Protein backbone atom coordinates (compact mmCIF):
# COMPACT_ATOMS: atom_id res chain seq x y z
CA MET A 1 133.01 -75.29 -35.98
CA ARG A 2 130.96 -72.63 -34.15
CA ASN A 3 132.14 -69.03 -34.15
CA SER A 4 132.67 -67.19 -30.87
CA ALA A 5 129.20 -65.55 -30.90
CA GLU A 6 127.48 -68.92 -31.34
CA PHE A 7 129.69 -70.44 -28.69
CA LEU A 8 128.72 -67.75 -26.17
CA ALA A 9 125.04 -67.91 -27.05
CA LEU A 10 125.03 -71.66 -26.50
CA ASN A 11 126.74 -71.35 -23.12
CA GLN A 12 124.47 -68.54 -21.98
CA ALA A 13 121.37 -70.47 -23.07
CA GLN A 14 122.49 -73.44 -21.03
CA CYS A 15 123.17 -71.10 -18.07
CA ARG A 16 126.33 -73.02 -17.21
CA LEU A 17 129.71 -71.73 -16.11
CA GLU A 18 132.43 -74.14 -15.15
CA LEU A 19 135.52 -72.73 -13.45
CA ILE A 20 138.36 -74.24 -11.53
CA ILE A 21 138.94 -71.84 -8.65
CA ASN A 22 142.15 -71.75 -6.62
CA PHE A 23 141.92 -69.97 -3.28
CA ASP A 24 144.83 -70.44 -0.87
CA ASN A 25 145.84 -73.66 -2.64
CA GLN A 26 142.34 -75.11 -2.29
CA VAL A 27 140.72 -76.13 -5.57
CA LEU A 28 136.97 -75.71 -5.80
CA GLU A 29 134.80 -76.44 -8.83
CA ILE A 30 131.94 -73.99 -9.21
CA ILE A 31 129.07 -74.62 -11.62
CA GLY A 32 126.21 -72.34 -12.61
CA SER A 33 124.11 -70.41 -10.14
CA SER A 34 126.38 -70.94 -7.13
CA ILE A 35 129.00 -68.54 -8.53
CA PRO A 36 127.45 -65.18 -7.54
CA ASN A 37 126.92 -66.19 -3.90
CA GLN A 38 130.22 -67.95 -3.31
CA LEU A 39 132.46 -65.50 -5.17
CA GLY A 40 130.64 -62.27 -4.44
CA LEU A 41 129.82 -61.65 -8.11
CA CYS A 42 126.44 -60.06 -8.85
CA LYS A 43 123.72 -61.85 -10.71
CA LYS A 44 122.79 -60.05 -13.91
CA GLU A 45 119.42 -58.84 -12.61
CA GLU A 46 120.85 -57.31 -9.41
CA GLU A 47 121.40 -53.56 -9.16
CA ASN A 48 123.91 -51.35 -7.31
CA CYS A 49 126.59 -54.02 -7.27
CA MET A 50 130.25 -53.17 -6.80
CA LEU A 51 132.70 -53.75 -9.61
CA LYS A 52 134.98 -56.70 -8.99
CA GLN A 53 138.68 -56.88 -9.76
CA VAL A 54 139.45 -60.38 -10.96
CA SER A 55 142.84 -62.01 -11.47
CA VAL A 56 142.93 -64.87 -13.96
CA MET A 57 145.95 -67.06 -14.67
CA VAL A 58 146.04 -67.85 -18.38
CA LYS A 59 148.37 -70.50 -19.78
CA THR A 60 150.01 -68.82 -22.77
CA ASP A 61 153.34 -67.45 -23.90
CA ASN A 62 154.53 -63.83 -23.99
CA ILE A 63 156.97 -63.21 -26.82
CA LEU A 64 157.65 -59.62 -25.75
CA GLN A 65 158.92 -60.53 -22.30
CA GLU A 66 160.65 -63.70 -23.54
CA LEU A 67 162.66 -61.74 -26.10
CA ALA A 68 163.27 -58.94 -23.60
CA GLN A 69 164.78 -61.40 -21.14
CA LYS A 70 166.87 -62.99 -23.88
CA ASN A 71 168.35 -59.60 -24.85
CA SER A 72 168.71 -58.23 -21.29
CA CYS A 73 166.09 -55.54 -21.89
CA LYS A 74 163.08 -54.16 -20.09
CA VAL A 75 159.90 -53.90 -22.19
CA THR A 76 156.89 -51.87 -21.05
CA ILE A 77 153.57 -51.51 -22.89
CA VAL A 78 152.76 -47.79 -22.78
CA ASP A 79 149.53 -47.79 -24.79
CA CYS A 80 147.51 -49.95 -27.17
CA LYS A 81 144.75 -49.71 -29.77
CA HIS A 82 143.08 -51.98 -32.28
CA SER A 83 144.34 -51.48 -35.84
CA ASN A 84 141.60 -53.68 -37.30
CA SER A 85 139.69 -56.82 -36.40
CA ASN A 86 142.82 -58.98 -36.53
CA GLU A 87 145.68 -56.68 -35.53
CA MET A 88 146.72 -54.66 -32.51
CA SER A 89 149.03 -51.64 -32.30
CA LEU A 90 151.22 -51.57 -29.20
CA LEU A 91 153.28 -48.58 -28.12
CA VAL A 92 156.27 -50.11 -26.36
CA GLU A 93 159.14 -48.59 -24.39
CA ILE A 94 162.36 -50.59 -24.49
CA GLU A 95 165.39 -50.07 -22.28
CA GLY A 96 168.44 -52.24 -21.84
CA LYS A 97 171.61 -53.81 -23.14
CA ASP A 98 170.74 -54.85 -26.69
CA VAL A 99 167.71 -52.92 -27.90
CA ASN A 100 168.64 -53.22 -31.59
CA GLN A 101 168.84 -57.02 -31.41
CA LEU A 102 165.52 -57.14 -29.59
CA ILE A 103 163.87 -55.11 -32.37
CA THR A 104 165.46 -57.41 -34.97
CA ASP A 105 164.13 -60.45 -33.11
CA LEU A 106 160.65 -58.93 -32.96
CA LYS A 107 160.69 -58.26 -36.70
CA SER A 108 161.48 -61.93 -37.35
CA ARG A 109 158.42 -63.14 -35.46
CA ARG A 110 155.44 -64.25 -37.52
CA GLU A 111 153.01 -62.48 -35.17
CA VAL A 112 154.68 -59.10 -35.71
CA LYS A 113 153.53 -57.46 -38.94
CA ARG A 114 155.31 -54.08 -38.83
CA THR A 115 157.62 -52.13 -36.51
CA TYR A 116 158.35 -48.42 -36.21
CA PHE A 117 160.79 -46.99 -33.69
CA ALA A 118 162.28 -43.71 -32.53
CA LYS A 119 165.60 -43.56 -30.71
CA SER A 120 165.41 -41.06 -27.87
CA SER A 121 168.21 -39.07 -26.28
CA SER A 122 167.95 -41.24 -23.18
CA SER A 123 168.60 -44.96 -22.87
CA LYS A 124 165.00 -45.73 -23.81
CA THR A 125 163.62 -46.47 -27.27
CA LEU A 126 159.98 -46.03 -28.23
CA VAL A 127 158.63 -48.70 -30.58
CA MET A 128 155.24 -49.14 -32.22
CA LEU A 129 154.44 -52.76 -32.98
CA ILE A 130 151.60 -53.83 -35.22
CA LEU A 131 151.00 -57.48 -34.53
CA GLN A 132 148.42 -60.21 -34.64
CA SER A 133 145.95 -59.37 -31.90
CA PRO A 134 146.94 -61.15 -28.65
CA ILE A 135 144.35 -63.35 -26.98
CA PHE A 136 143.89 -60.87 -24.10
CA CYS A 137 143.14 -58.00 -26.47
CA ASP A 138 140.60 -60.06 -28.41
CA VAL A 139 138.81 -61.17 -25.26
CA ALA A 140 138.74 -57.68 -23.73
CA ARG A 141 137.28 -56.24 -26.94
CA SER A 142 134.65 -58.99 -27.24
CA SER A 143 133.51 -58.83 -23.60
CA ASN A 144 132.41 -56.21 -21.09
CA ALA A 145 135.64 -56.55 -19.11
CA PHE A 146 138.30 -53.86 -18.71
CA CYS A 147 142.02 -54.45 -18.29
CA VAL A 148 143.37 -53.19 -14.97
CA ALA A 149 146.95 -53.75 -16.10
CA CYS A 150 148.36 -55.03 -19.37
CA PRO A 151 149.19 -58.75 -18.99
CA LEU A 152 151.87 -58.38 -21.67
CA ASN A 153 153.93 -56.43 -19.13
CA SER A 154 154.18 -59.61 -17.03
CA ARG A 155 156.54 -62.51 -17.46
CA VAL A 156 155.26 -66.04 -17.76
CA VAL A 157 155.43 -67.89 -14.41
CA ASP A 158 154.91 -71.66 -14.42
CA GLY A 159 153.60 -71.42 -17.95
CA ALA A 160 150.92 -68.81 -17.19
CA LEU A 161 150.37 -65.04 -17.26
CA GLU A 162 148.30 -63.20 -14.67
CA TRP A 163 145.58 -60.98 -16.12
CA SER A 164 143.81 -58.47 -13.85
CA LEU A 165 140.48 -57.13 -15.10
CA LEU A 166 137.29 -55.46 -13.96
CA VAL A 167 133.90 -57.14 -14.33
CA LYS A 168 130.46 -56.05 -13.15
CA ASP A 169 128.71 -59.40 -12.76
CA ALA A 170 128.93 -63.19 -13.12
CA ALA A 171 127.69 -63.09 -16.73
CA ASP A 172 130.66 -60.91 -17.74
CA MET A 173 133.04 -63.27 -15.96
CA SER A 174 131.41 -66.18 -17.76
CA ASN A 175 131.92 -64.45 -21.11
CA VAL A 176 135.61 -63.87 -20.39
CA ILE A 177 136.24 -67.50 -19.43
CA ASP A 178 134.21 -68.80 -22.38
CA LEU A 179 136.14 -66.63 -24.84
CA LEU A 180 139.49 -67.67 -23.39
CA ARG A 181 138.54 -71.33 -23.61
CA PHE A 182 137.18 -70.89 -27.12
CA ARG A 183 140.67 -69.65 -28.07
CA GLY A 184 142.15 -72.79 -26.51
CA ALA A 185 143.52 -71.18 -23.32
CA THR A 186 143.61 -73.00 -20.00
CA THR A 187 142.46 -70.64 -17.23
CA ASN A 188 142.62 -70.55 -13.46
CA LEU A 189 140.71 -67.90 -11.52
CA ARG A 190 143.15 -66.77 -8.86
CA ARG A 191 141.50 -63.92 -6.95
CA ILE A 192 138.32 -61.83 -6.77
CA GLU A 193 138.06 -58.64 -4.70
CA ASN A 194 136.11 -55.41 -4.63
CA ALA A 195 137.55 -52.76 -6.95
CA PHE A 196 138.60 -49.67 -5.03
CA ARG A 197 139.94 -46.55 -6.74
CA ASP A 198 140.36 -44.28 -3.72
CA GLU A 199 144.13 -44.37 -4.19
CA ALA A 200 143.95 -42.66 -7.60
CA LEU A 201 146.20 -39.64 -8.07
CA THR A 202 144.59 -36.22 -8.13
CA SER A 203 145.08 -34.12 -11.27
CA HIS A 204 147.45 -31.85 -9.32
CA GLN A 205 149.54 -34.79 -8.11
CA LYS A 206 149.71 -36.17 -11.66
CA GLU A 207 150.86 -32.80 -13.00
CA ILE A 208 153.56 -32.42 -10.33
CA LEU A 209 154.82 -36.01 -10.65
CA LEU A 210 154.97 -35.82 -14.43
CA GLU A 211 156.92 -32.56 -14.33
CA ALA A 212 159.29 -33.97 -11.68
CA THR A 213 159.88 -36.97 -13.93
CA ARG A 214 160.47 -34.83 -17.02
CA ARG A 215 162.96 -32.63 -15.17
CA GLY A 216 164.92 -35.62 -13.87
CA TYR A 217 164.04 -35.38 -10.18
CA PHE A 218 163.77 -39.17 -9.93
CA ASP A 219 166.93 -39.83 -11.95
CA PHE A 220 170.12 -41.00 -10.28
CA PRO A 221 171.89 -38.73 -9.82
CA ARG A 222 169.11 -36.14 -9.80
CA ARG A 223 169.17 -33.62 -12.63
CA VAL A 224 167.17 -31.09 -10.62
CA SER A 225 166.99 -30.44 -6.89
CA LEU A 226 163.84 -30.21 -4.81
CA THR A 227 164.43 -26.49 -4.25
CA ALA A 228 165.00 -25.75 -7.95
CA LEU A 229 161.96 -27.77 -9.02
CA ALA A 230 159.80 -26.05 -6.40
CA LYS A 231 160.91 -22.66 -7.71
CA GLU A 232 159.99 -23.66 -11.29
CA LEU A 233 156.56 -24.80 -10.11
CA SER A 234 156.05 -21.67 -7.98
CA ILE A 235 155.45 -23.60 -4.77
CA SER A 236 157.46 -23.98 -1.57
CA PRO A 237 159.94 -26.88 -1.23
CA SER A 238 157.99 -28.23 1.76
CA THR A 239 154.73 -28.29 -0.22
CA LEU A 240 156.40 -29.96 -3.17
CA SER A 241 157.98 -32.57 -0.89
CA GLU A 242 154.56 -33.37 0.62
CA ILE A 243 152.89 -33.68 -2.82
CA LEU A 244 155.65 -35.99 -4.07
CA ARG A 245 155.53 -38.18 -0.95
CA ARG A 246 151.76 -38.58 -1.13
CA GLY A 247 151.86 -39.31 -4.85
CA GLU A 248 154.67 -41.84 -4.48
CA SER A 249 152.77 -43.55 -1.65
CA LYS A 250 149.64 -43.91 -3.79
CA ILE A 251 151.62 -45.29 -6.73
CA ALA A 252 153.44 -47.79 -4.48
CA ARG A 253 150.19 -48.96 -2.89
CA ALA A 254 148.46 -49.33 -6.25
CA TYR A 255 151.43 -51.32 -7.60
CA ALA A 256 151.52 -53.58 -4.54
CA SER A 257 147.76 -54.13 -4.78
CA GLY A 258 148.17 -55.20 -8.41
CA LEU A 259 150.69 -57.80 -7.26
CA GLY A 260 148.24 -59.11 -4.68
CA LEU A 261 150.29 -57.78 -1.75
CA SER A 262 148.58 -56.59 1.42
CA ILE A 263 149.87 -53.36 2.96
């Protein structure tokens, strides 16, 4: 049995990449050197290429979202880091009907090694899970790809999770697919597009939106009015309203883009 490094070296030496591509319900098999031209991915020797955002459907399960649905809860991955070579630490926010049962169910799973949680004054509970490193985390760490959004925040649809990531060239995409297949995952490349970040929030917008969230402006009912919040931030209500509208628009567009929606 070859290890992952030997597996990748063998595939790179053979200069072969086999993908099953699904574009608008048309299946196309791409092999080797035709990938960069047909998919817009750079060859390794090319310079000044644009980063590509790639969406890959990976056939796997998602115990977090499965247990969340079972217990009528919403689970959101807030942050993550590698504990060691085999384990991952996930900072998870849980909200819903039966949070305690969900935590109990997580503790009973073989993949979950340890759990730590803090009950907040709101309806949300913050949980740190130390678990066996998920396949996505292993592949991201072993390749040059970056996660655009955590796939563990998505529910399984037709037996697969969608994983959005950034790659710089065809070789990086090849590594990702090879590593997924080495782990036994069936993959389907769904979409490739140029990565644009012009919708990113400015530091001022982030600061204002975070403070508005902390003060309960987006709660229902609101815990602070626009006028009161503007006074606390030492800006006019009209200026605050404009900042919030622009920030909300950017967040909505970025979210829709992540879902593959065109606005």
